Amino acid sequence: MARALTSHERRLTFLLQSYSFDAHRVSESEEQVTEMESVFNQLQRKFELLPRDDPSYSEHATLVESFSNTIQQHRTRVMQARKREHLLSVSPGYERKSEVSIEMQQLMEQRESVGRSQKQANEFLMQTEATKEALAASNMGLHRIKEKNSGIIGSFTSSGGLLGSISRQTRKNTVVMGLAIGAGSVFLIWWWLSS
């Protein structure tokens, strides 16, 4: 459980570190904040399942609270930018500047490219973490199966020993019965001949 929390915490830390607010690109900032909120919700669900007596509980609780506050600040900033954008768009005499210098346009294209790369990297990290968790669960299942098999093999070994001791006891009983029958037969023959 703590491992799953740590992977979500690392992913959220990565998203927060790579986040940058751009007042001219509010939609992109909003998408980033929405992705952060999605990862935070997953982290929060995992945290709620963590027992309070876990040694790392207080550390995780502090991180969850810190993430919550930071994401809330980013969400507030995006909402304020949306309001400002709306107010400017409805005010008279406002026209968006459509002329952007070539250098600025190139910078914006590079930023978009970096954003796409970052999103692909995030998706790859998510897939890697999911694969890692699936492998860990599979390993645990295989370990449990191995323990059960060793218990079954042990019981076969002990039952084989039990069958061997029963067989030895049966042979002893057969010899004793044979001797008793032989002695009784000799006694009967001797008694019959002597009478």
C-alpha atoms as a PDB file:
ATOM      1  CA  MET A   1       0.000   0.000   0.000  1.00  0.00           C
ATOM      2  CA  ALA A   2       2.790   2.392   0.930  1.00  0.00           C
ATOM      3  CA  ARG A   3       4.518   1.551  -2.385  1.00  0.00           C
ATOM      4  CA  ALA A   4       1.410   2.572  -4.359  1.00  0.00           C
ATOM      5  CA  LEU A   5       1.230   5.808  -2.353  1.00  0.00           C
ATOM      6  CA  THR A   6       4.875   6.548  -3.057  1.00  0.00           C
ATOM      7  CA  SER A   7       4.449   6.033  -6.811  1.00  0.00           C
ATOM      8  CA  HIS A   8       1.465   8.419  -6.893  1.00  0.00           C
ATOM      9  CA  GLU A   9       3.391  10.930  -4.779  1.00  0.00           C
ATOM     10  CA  ARG A  10       6.369  10.800  -7.169  1.00  0.00           C
ATOM     11  CA  ARG A  11       4.113  11.267 -10.173  1.00  0.00           C
ATOM     12  CA  LEU A  12       2.300  14.190  -8.564  1.00  0.00           C
ATOM     13  CA  THR A  13       5.598  15.785  -7.546  1.00  0.00           C
ATOM     14  CA  PHE A  14       6.773  15.480 -11.155  1.00  0.00           C
ATOM     15  CA  LEU A  15       3.567  17.113 -12.442  1.00  0.00           C
ATOM     16  CA  LEU A  16       3.826  19.960  -9.927  1.00  0.00           C
ATOM     17  CA  GLN A  17       7.479  20.596 -10.755  1.00  0.00           C
ATOM     18  CA  SER A  18       6.818  20.642 -14.487  1.00  0.00           C
ATOM     19  CA  TYR A  19       3.770  22.923 -14.172  1.00  0.00           C
ATOM     20  CA  SER A  20       4.044  26.504 -15.342  1.00  0.00           C
ATOM     21  CA  PHE A  21       1.198  28.974 -15.489  1.00  0.00           C
ATOM     22  CA  ASP A  22       0.781  30.982 -18.684  1.00  0.00           C
ATOM     23  CA  ALA A  23      -1.856  33.716 -18.679  1.00  0.00           C
ATOM     24  CA  HIS A  24      -1.929  33.623 -22.497  1.00  0.00           C
ATOM     25  CA  ARG A  25      -2.530  29.875 -22.572  1.00  0.00           C
ATOM     26  CA  VAL A  26      -5.061  29.343 -19.814  1.00  0.00           C
ATOM     27  CA  SER A  27      -6.511  26.211 -21.447  1.00  0.00           C
ATOM     28  CA  GLU A  28      -3.165  24.398 -21.308  1.00  0.00           C
ATOM     29  CA  SER A  29      -2.651  25.434 -17.696  1.00  0.00           C
ATOM     30  CA  GLU A  30      -6.155  24.236 -16.899  1.00  0.00           C
ATOM     31  CA  GLU A  31      -5.469  20.848 -18.522  1.00  0.00           C
ATOM     32  CA  GLN A  32      -2.329  20.460 -16.425  1.00  0.00           C
ATOM     33  CA  VAL A  33      -4.210  21.309 -13.223  1.00  0.00           C
ATOM     34  CA  THR A  34      -6.978  18.853 -14.160  1.00  0.00           C
ATOM     35  CA  GLU A  35      -4.383  16.103 -14.641  1.00  0.00           C
ATOM     36  CA  MET A  36      -2.851  16.977 -11.255  1.00  0.00           C
ATOM     37  CA  GLU A  37      -6.279  16.760  -9.639  1.00  0.00           C
ATOM     38  CA  SER A  38      -6.869  13.357 -11.221  1.00  0.00           C
ATOM     39  CA  VAL A  39      -3.585  11.967  -9.865  1.00  0.00           C
ATOM     40  CA  PHE A  40      -4.265  13.609  -6.497  1.00  0.00           C
ATOM     41  CA  ASN A  41      -7.685  11.909  -6.296  1.00  0.00           C
ATOM     42  CA  GLN A  42      -6.020   8.526  -6.938  1.00  0.00           C
ATOM     43  CA  LEU A  43      -3.421   9.321  -4.263  1.00  0.00           C
ATOM     44  CA  GLN A  44      -6.112  10.347  -1.812  1.00  0.00           C
ATOM     45  CA  ARG A  45      -8.056   7.085  -2.365  1.00  0.00           C
ATOM     46  CA  LYS A  46      -4.879   5.054  -1.710  1.00  0.00           C
ATOM     47  CA  PHE A  47      -4.083   7.168   1.369  1.00  0.00           C
ATOM     48  CA  GLU A  48      -7.554   6.556   2.842  1.00  0.00           C
ATOM     49  CA  LEU A  49      -6.815   2.802   2.753  1.00  0.00           C
ATOM     50  CA  LEU A  50      -3.525   3.213   4.659  1.00  0.00           C
ATOM     51  CA  PRO A  51      -3.873   2.108   8.305  1.00  0.00           C
ATOM     52  CA  ARG A  52      -3.318   4.872  10.859  1.00  0.00           C
ATOM     53  CA  ASP A  53      -0.814   2.732  12.755  1.00  0.00           C
ATOM     54  CA  ASP A  54       1.447   2.504   9.668  1.00  0.00           C
ATOM     55  CA  PRO A  55       4.870   4.033  10.501  1.00  0.00           C
ATOM     56  CA  SER A  56       4.778   6.253   7.396  1.00  0.00           C
ATOM     57  CA  TYR A  57       1.194   7.496   7.958  1.00  0.00           C
ATOM     58  CA  SER A  58       2.103  10.976   9.269  1.00  0.00           C
ATOM     59  CA  GLU A  59       4.643  11.528   6.486  1.00  0.00           C
ATOM     60  CA  HIS A  60       2.063  10.631   3.833  1.00  0.00           C
ATOM     61  CA  ALA A  61      -0.602  12.754   5.557  1.00  0.00           C
ATOM     62  CA  THR A  62       1.686  15.803   5.442  1.00  0.00           C
ATOM     63  CA  LEU A  63       2.408  15.256   1.741  1.00  0.00           C
ATOM     64  CA  VAL A  64      -1.271  14.792   0.882  1.00  0.00           C
ATOM     65  CA  GLU A  65      -2.175  18.031   2.669  1.00  0.00           C
ATOM     66  CA  SER A  66       0.675  19.897   0.959  1.00  0.00           C
ATOM     67  CA  PHE A  67      -0.370  18.580  -2.466  1.00  0.00           C
ATOM     68  CA  SER A  68      -3.978  19.550  -1.787  1.00  0.00           C
ATOM     69  CA  ASN A  69      -3.051  23.126  -0.894  1.00  0.00           C
ATOM     70  CA  THR A  70      -0.722  23.555  -3.875  1.00  0.00           C
ATOM     71  CA  ILE A  71      -3.226  22.172  -6.381  1.00  0.00           C
ATOM     72  CA  GLN A  72      -5.968  24.371  -4.903  1.00  0.00           C
ATOM     73  CA  GLN A  73      -3.728  27.431  -5.383  1.00  0.00           C
ATOM     74  CA  HIS A  74      -3.109  26.482  -9.018  1.00  0.00           C
ATOM     75  CA  ARG A  75      -6.832  25.884  -9.607  1.00  0.00           C
ATOM     76  CA  THR A  76      -7.665  29.304  -8.074  1.00  0.00           C
ATOM     77  CA  ARG A  77      -5.097  31.005 -10.281  1.00  0.00           C
ATOM     78  CA  VAL A  78      -6.528  29.358 -13.423  1.00  0.00           C
ATOM     79  CA  MET A  79     -10.079  30.350 -12.431  1.00  0.00           C
ATOM     80  CA  GLN A  80      -8.985  33.961 -11.891  1.00  0.00           C
ATOM     81  CA  ALA A  81      -7.312  33.985 -15.313  1.00  0.00           C
ATOM     82  CA  ARG A  82     -10.506  32.610 -16.876  1.00  0.00           C
ATOM     83  CA  LYS A  83     -12.576  35.363 -15.217  1.00  0.00           C
ATOM     84  CA  ARG A  84     -10.105  38.035 -16.322  1.00  0.00           C
ATOM     85  CA  GLU A  85     -10.158  36.628 -19.858  1.00  0.00           C
ATOM     86  CA  HIS A  86     -13.958  36.686 -19.886  1.00  0.00           C
ATOM     87  CA  LEU A  87     -14.150  40.231 -18.542  1.00  0.00           C
ATOM     88  CA  LEU A  88     -11.699  41.472 -21.146  1.00  0.00           C
ATOM     89  CA  SER A  89     -13.542  39.722 -23.964  1.00  0.00           C
ATOM     90  CA  VAL A  90     -16.880  41.393 -23.106  1.00  0.00           C
ATOM     91  CA  SER A  91     -15.470  44.855 -22.421  1.00  0.00           C
ATOM     92  CA  PRO A  92     -15.900  47.402 -25.259  1.00  0.00           C
ATOM     93  CA  GLY A  93     -12.861  48.302 -27.313  1.00  0.00           C
ATOM     94  CA  TYR A  94     -10.949  45.151 -26.451  1.00  0.00           C
ATOM     95  CA  GLU A  95      -9.396  43.259 -29.319  1.00  0.00           C
ATOM     96  CA  ARG A  96      -7.045  40.368 -28.952  1.00  0.00           C
ATOM     97  CA  LYS A  97      -3.704  41.004 -30.504  1.00  0.00           C
ATOM     98  CA  SER A  98      -3.466  38.566 -33.359  1.00  0.00           C
ATOM     99  CA  GLU A  99      -0.091  39.731 -34.576  1.00  0.00           C
ATOM    100  CA  VAL A 100       2.632  37.709 -32.998  1.00  0.00           C
ATOM    101  CA  SER A 101       6.251  38.010 -33.974  1.00  0.00           C
ATOM    102  CA  ILE A 102       7.882  35.056 -35.716  1.00  0.00           C
ATOM    103  CA  GLU A 103      10.220  34.462 -32.784  1.00  0.00           C
ATOM    104  CA  MET A 104       7.351  34.443 -30.320  1.00  0.00           C
ATOM    105  CA  GLN A 105       5.445  32.029 -32.528  1.00  0.00           C
ATOM    106  CA  GLN A 106       8.473  29.718 -32.710  1.00  0.00           C
ATOM    107  CA  LEU A 107       8.821  29.874 -28.938  1.00  0.00           C
ATOM    108  CA  MET A 108       5.157  29.012 -28.532  1.00  0.00           C
ATOM    109  CA  GLU A 109       5.510  26.058 -30.931  1.00  0.00           C
ATOM    110  CA  GLN A 110       8.554  24.823 -28.999  1.00  0.00           C
ATOM    111  CA  ARG A 111       6.621  25.138 -25.770  1.00  0.00           C
ATOM    112  CA  GLU A 112       3.765  23.119 -27.241  1.00  0.00           C
ATOM    113  CA  SER A 113       6.257  20.488 -28.396  1.00  0.00           C
ATOM    114  CA  VAL A 114       7.792  20.305 -24.919  1.00  0.00           C
ATOM    115  CA  GLY A 115       4.301  20.062 -23.421  1.00  0.00           C
ATOM    116  CA  ARG A 116       3.415  17.157 -25.722  1.00  0.00           C
ATOM    117  CA  SER A 117       6.692  15.424 -24.878  1.00  0.00           C
ATOM    118  CA  GLN A 118       6.042  15.968 -21.198  1.00  0.00           C
ATOM    119  CA  LYS A 119       2.554  14.510 -21.525  1.00  0.00           C
ATOM    120  CA  GLN A 120       3.951  11.445 -23.332  1.00  0.00           C
ATOM    121  CA  ALA A 121       6.589  11.048 -20.614  1.00  0.00           C
ATOM    122  CA  ASN A 122       3.860  11.244 -17.949  1.00  0.00           C
ATOM    123  CA  GLU A 123       1.816   8.590 -19.741  1.00  0.00           C
ATOM    124  CA  PHE A 124       4.888   6.368 -20.047  1.00  0.00           C
ATOM    125  CA  LEU A 125       5.605   6.785 -16.325  1.00  0.00           C
ATOM    126  CA  MET A 126       1.997   5.919 -15.493  1.00  0.00           C
ATOM    127  CA  GLN A 127       2.195   2.753 -17.624  1.00  0.00           C
ATOM    128  CA  THR A 128       5.519   1.827 -16.032  1.00  0.00           C
ATOM    129  CA  GLU A 129       4.121   2.251 -12.509  1.00  0.00           C
ATOM    130  CA  ALA A 130       1.029   0.219 -13.404  1.00  0.00           C
ATOM    131  CA  THR A 131       3.213  -2.554 -14.855  1.00  0.00           C
ATOM    132  CA  LYS A 132       5.440  -2.471 -11.781  1.00  0.00           C
ATOM    133  CA  GLU A 133       2.435  -2.807  -9.448  1.00  0.00           C
ATOM    134  CA  ALA A 134       0.996  -5.656 -11.573  1.00  0.00           C
ATOM    135  CA  LEU A 135       4.334  -7.498 -11.470  1.00  0.00           C
ATOM    136  CA  ALA A 136       4.573  -7.032  -7.702  1.00  0.00           C
ATOM    137  CA  ALA A 137       1.063  -8.458  -7.268  1.00  0.00           C
ATOM    138  CA  SER A 138       1.936 -11.366  -9.591  1.00  0.00           C
ATOM    139  CA  ASN A 139       5.113 -12.083  -7.613  1.00  0.00           C
ATOM    140  CA  MET A 140       3.145 -12.116  -4.370  1.00  0.00           C
ATOM    141  CA  GLY A 141       0.663 -14.594  -5.890  1.00  0.00           C
ATOM    142  CA  LEU A 142       3.468 -16.847  -7.109  1.00  0.00           C
ATOM    143  CA  HIS A 143       5.118 -16.711  -3.674  1.00  0.00           C
ATOM    144  CA  ARG A 144       1.851 -17.795  -2.008  1.00  0.00           C
ATOM    145  CA  ILE A 145       1.468 -20.662  -4.515  1.00  0.00           C
ATOM    146  CA  LYS A 146       5.054 -21.767  -3.832  1.00  0.00           C
ATOM    147  CA  GLU A 147       4.375 -21.801  -0.071  1.00  0.00           C
ATOM    148  CA  LYS A 148       1.207 -23.881  -0.564  1.00  0.00           C
ATOM    149  CA  ASN A 149       3.044 -26.328  -2.835  1.00  0.00           C
ATOM    150  CA  SER A 150       5.865 -26.794  -0.331  1.00  0.00           C
ATOM    151  CA  GLY A 151       3.233 -27.497   2.361  1.00  0.00           C
ATOM    152  CA  ILE A 152       1.559 -30.091   0.147  1.00  0.00           C
ATOM    153  CA  ILE A 153       4.914 -31.732  -0.669  1.00  0.00           C
ATOM    154  CA  GLY A 154       5.718 -31.828   3.039  1.00  0.00           C
ATOM    155  CA  SER A 155       2.420 -33.540   3.784  1.00  0.00           C
ATOM    156  CA  PHE A 156       3.117 -36.137   1.049  1.00  0.00           C
ATOM    157  CA  THR A 157       6.517 -36.811   2.583  1.00  0.00           C
ATOM    158  CA  SER A 158       5.062 -37.276   6.056  1.00  0.00           C
ATOM    159  CA  SER A 159       2.233 -39.491   4.743  1.00  0.00           C
ATOM    160  CA  GLY A 160       4.827 -41.630   2.890  1.00  0.00           C
ATOM    161  CA  GLY A 161       6.662 -42.134   6.183  1.00  0.00           C
ATOM    162  CA  LEU A 162       3.389 -43.051   7.887  1.00  0.00           C
ATOM    163  CA  LEU A 163       2.579 -45.607   5.170  1.00  0.00           C
ATOM    164  CA  GLY A 164       6.073 -47.112   5.572  1.00  0.00           C
ATOM    165  CA  SER A 165       5.652 -47.513   9.341  1.00  0.00           C
ATOM    166  CA  ILE A 166       2.214 -49.131   8.822  1.00  0.00           C
ATOM    167  CA  SER A 167       3.774 -51.567   6.338  1.00  0.00           C
ATOM    168  CA  ARG A 168       6.573 -52.484   8.795  1.00  0.00           C
ATOM    169  CA  GLN A 169       4.052 -53.027  11.601  1.00  0.00           C
ATOM    170  CA  THR A 170       1.938 -55.266   9.310  1.00  0.00           C
ATOM    171  CA  ARG A 171       5.003 -57.409   8.491  1.00  0.00           C
ATOM    172  CA  LYS A 172       5.811 -57.744  12.217  1.00  0.00           C
ATOM    173  CA  ASN A 173       2.228 -58.752  12.983  1.00  0.00           C
ATOM    174  CA  THR A 174       2.315 -61.351  10.175  1.00  0.00           C
ATOM    175  CA  VAL A 175       5.521 -62.903  11.568  1.00  0.00           C
ATOM    176  CA  VAL A 176       4.104 -63.011  15.118  1.00  0.00           C
ATOM    177  CA  MET A 177       0.854 -64.573  13.882  1.00  0.00           C
ATOM    178  CA  GLY A 178       2.826 -67.144  11.858  1.00  0.00           C
ATOM    179  CA  LEU A 179       4.918 -68.069  14.894  1.00  0.00           C
ATOM    180  CA  ALA A 180       1.814 -68.332  17.097  1.00  0.00           C
ATOM    181  CA  ILE A 181       0.012 -70.540  14.565  1.00  0.00           C
ATOM    182  CA  GLY A 182       3.158 -72.688  14.115  1.00  0.00           C
ATOM    183  CA  ALA A 183       3.622 -73.110  17.890  1.00  0.00           C
ATOM    184  CA  GLY A 184      -0.067 -73.962  18.298  1.00  0.00           C
ATOM    185  CA  SER A 185       0.121 -76.521  15.487  1.00  0.00           C
ATOM    186  CA  VAL A 186       3.232 -78.172  17.015  1.00  0.00           C
ATOM    187  CA  PHE A 187       1.498 -78.302  20.414  1.00  0.00           C
ATOM    188  CA  LEU A 188      -1.648 -79.889  18.924  1.00  0.00           C
ATOM    189  CA  ILE A 189       0.394 -82.478  17.022  1.00  0.00           C
ATOM    190  CA  TRP A 190       2.426 -83.313  20.155  1.00  0.00           C
ATOM    191  CA  TRP A 191      -0.747 -83.597  22.294  1.00  0.00           C
ATOM    192  CA  TRP A 192      -2.487 -85.742  19.704  1.00  0.00           C
ATOM    193  CA  LEU A 193       0.502 -88.069  19.414  1.00  0.00           C
ATOM    194  CA  SER A 194       0.929 -88.345  23.177  1.00  0.00           C
ATOM    195  CA  SER A 195      -2.676 -89.229  23.881  1.00  0.00           C
END
